[in-house]
Protein backbone atom coordinates (compact mmCIF):
# COMPACT_ATOMS: atom_id res chain seq x y z
CA GLN A 1 -16.27 28.68 -81.52
CA LEU A 2 -19.85 27.86 -80.46
CA GLN A 3 -21.00 30.55 -78.22
CA LEU A 4 -24.34 31.36 -76.42
CA VAL A 5 -24.59 34.43 -74.44
CA GLU A 6 -27.41 35.27 -72.13
CA SER A 7 -28.78 38.80 -71.10
CA GLY A 8 -32.06 40.66 -69.66
CA GLY A 9 -31.62 39.34 -66.06
CA GLY A 10 -31.80 41.51 -63.12
CA LEU A 11 -33.81 42.36 -59.92
CA VAL A 12 -37.22 42.28 -60.13
CA GLN A 13 -40.47 42.80 -57.94
CA PRO A 14 -42.58 39.51 -57.39
CA GLY A 15 -45.44 40.23 -60.16
CA GLY A 16 -42.89 41.52 -62.47
CA SER A 17 -41.57 40.74 -65.94
CA LEU A 18 -38.34 40.11 -67.40
CA ARG A 19 -37.11 39.09 -70.90
CA LEU A 20 -33.98 36.93 -71.30
CA SER A 21 -32.04 36.97 -74.73
CA CYS A 22 -30.01 34.08 -75.61
CA ALA A 23 -27.91 35.17 -79.04
CA ALA A 24 -25.77 32.44 -80.71
CA SER A 25 -22.52 33.03 -82.15
CA GLY A 26 -20.18 30.85 -84.30
CA PHE A 27 -22.78 28.64 -85.69
CA SER A 28 -26.88 28.75 -86.78
CA LEU A 29 -29.80 28.27 -84.45
CA ASP A 30 -31.76 26.97 -87.48
CA TYR A 31 -30.67 23.59 -86.64
CA TYR A 32 -30.53 23.29 -83.26
CA ALA A 33 -33.24 22.75 -80.35
CA ILE A 34 -33.15 25.47 -77.48
CA GLY A 35 -33.71 25.21 -73.82
CA TRP A 36 -33.74 27.35 -70.77
CA PHE A 37 -32.41 26.13 -67.53
CA ARG A 38 -32.37 27.74 -64.34
CA GLN A 39 -30.42 26.35 -61.30
CA ALA A 40 -31.02 28.02 -57.49
CA PRO A 41 -28.74 27.98 -54.78
CA GLY A 42 -28.64 23.95 -53.20
CA LYS A 43 -31.09 23.02 -55.99
CA GLU A 44 -30.91 20.87 -59.04
CA ARG A 45 -30.69 22.58 -62.52
CA GLU A 46 -34.28 22.25 -63.90
CA GLY A 47 -35.26 22.74 -67.39
CA VAL A 48 -37.80 25.70 -67.97
CA SER A 49 -38.85 26.13 -71.53
CA CYS A 50 -37.64 24.38 -74.58
CA ILE A 51 -38.47 24.88 -78.19
CA SER A 52 -38.08 22.94 -81.39
CA THR A 53 -35.58 24.10 -84.42
CA ASN A 54 -38.41 25.78 -86.09
CA GLY A 55 -40.55 26.59 -82.96
CA GLY A 56 -43.26 24.54 -83.70
CA SER A 57 -43.21 22.72 -80.55
CA THR A 58 -42.44 24.16 -77.16
CA ASP A 59 -42.42 22.47 -73.42
CA TYR A 60 -42.63 24.18 -70.38
CA ALA A 61 -42.14 23.14 -66.32
CA ASP A 62 -45.41 22.95 -64.84
CA SER A 63 -44.21 26.05 -62.47
CA VAL A 64 -44.00 28.40 -65.31
CA LYS A 65 -46.87 27.38 -67.55
CA GLY A 66 -48.84 30.43 -68.02
CA ARG A 67 -46.63 32.88 -67.09
CA PHE A 68 -43.16 32.28 -69.30
CA THR A 69 -43.29 32.11 -72.85
CA ILE A 70 -40.38 30.91 -75.25
CA SER A 71 -39.84 32.15 -78.71
CA ARG A 72 -36.79 32.32 -81.28
CA ASP A 73 -35.99 34.37 -84.79
CA ASN A 74 -33.65 32.36 -86.56
CA ALA A 75 -32.93 35.27 -88.78
CA LYS A 76 -31.52 37.07 -85.77
CA ASN A 77 -30.16 33.78 -84.47
CA THR A 78 -31.65 34.55 -80.92
CA VAL A 79 -34.08 33.03 -78.56
CA TYR A 80 -36.11 34.48 -75.98
CA LEU A 81 -37.67 33.76 -72.78
CA GLN A 82 -40.45 36.14 -71.39
CA MET A 83 -41.07 35.90 -67.83
CA ASN A 84 -44.03 37.32 -66.40
CA SER A 85 -46.01 37.19 -62.81
CA LEU A 86 -42.51 36.60 -61.53
CA LYS A 87 -42.32 34.76 -58.13
CA PRO A 88 -39.29 34.63 -55.62
CA GLU A 89 -39.15 31.27 -56.50
CA ASP A 90 -37.84 31.87 -59.79
CA THR A 91 -35.07 33.65 -58.63
CA ALA A 92 -31.81 31.42 -59.98
CA ILE A 93 -29.00 31.48 -62.83
CA TYR A 94 -30.69 30.99 -66.19
CA TYR A 95 -28.95 29.23 -68.84
CA CYS A 96 -29.48 29.10 -72.52
CA ALA A 97 -28.92 25.51 -74.13
CA ALA A 98 -28.78 24.07 -77.45
CA GLN A 99 -28.58 20.89 -78.92
CA ARG A 100 -28.50 19.76 -82.82
CA SER A 101 -32.00 18.43 -84.08
CA VAL A 102 -33.75 17.40 -86.89
CA TRP A 103 -36.58 19.60 -87.69
CA TYR A 104 -39.16 17.16 -86.85
CA SER A 105 -38.48 16.44 -83.38
CA ALA A 106 -40.60 17.80 -80.80
CA ALA A 107 -39.50 20.02 -78.22
CA SER A 108 -37.99 18.36 -74.66
CA CYS A 109 -36.18 19.80 -71.87
CA SER A 110 -34.83 16.09 -71.11
CA ARG A 111 -32.71 15.63 -74.00
CA PRO A 112 -29.18 16.18 -73.72
CA TYR A 113 -28.05 19.68 -74.55
CA ALA A 114 -24.53 20.12 -75.82
CA VAL A 115 -23.76 23.70 -75.91
CA TRP A 116 -24.38 26.26 -72.96
CA GLY A 117 -24.23 29.68 -72.13
CA GLN A 118 -22.56 30.99 -69.07
CA GLY A 119 -26.02 31.91 -67.44
CA THR A 120 -27.55 35.29 -66.35
CA GLN A 121 -28.87 35.88 -62.70
CA VAL A 122 -32.62 36.61 -62.13
CA THR A 123 -33.62 37.73 -58.58
CA VAL A 124 -37.26 38.16 -57.46
CA SER A 125 -37.44 39.74 -54.50
CA SER A 126 -39.65 42.41 -52.54
């Protein structure tokens, strides 16, 4: 069974930081582009940050540029999202997703991701 499990969410003050992790099992992330998505209550799901198979290409939503950093460690079969300078509007359930991809494809959050995790709650509140 192909699985992605997110962890690292929680409650933080505005301006604080969190690091989310996405661990894969049942398959190797070597051949998958990875994306972080989020969905806040009453809003559409949006792409936050995505990364190509080899990590050479990344994509960020305008709202998180300069604050969030996506990275991957294929040897550990894990992808990370470092979230700094968090704002209340970052509050959402964050999902990790994977999509098989050729190595030379650029990162894109608009591609159709096939494998999804259950999500982890991030709450930013004063």
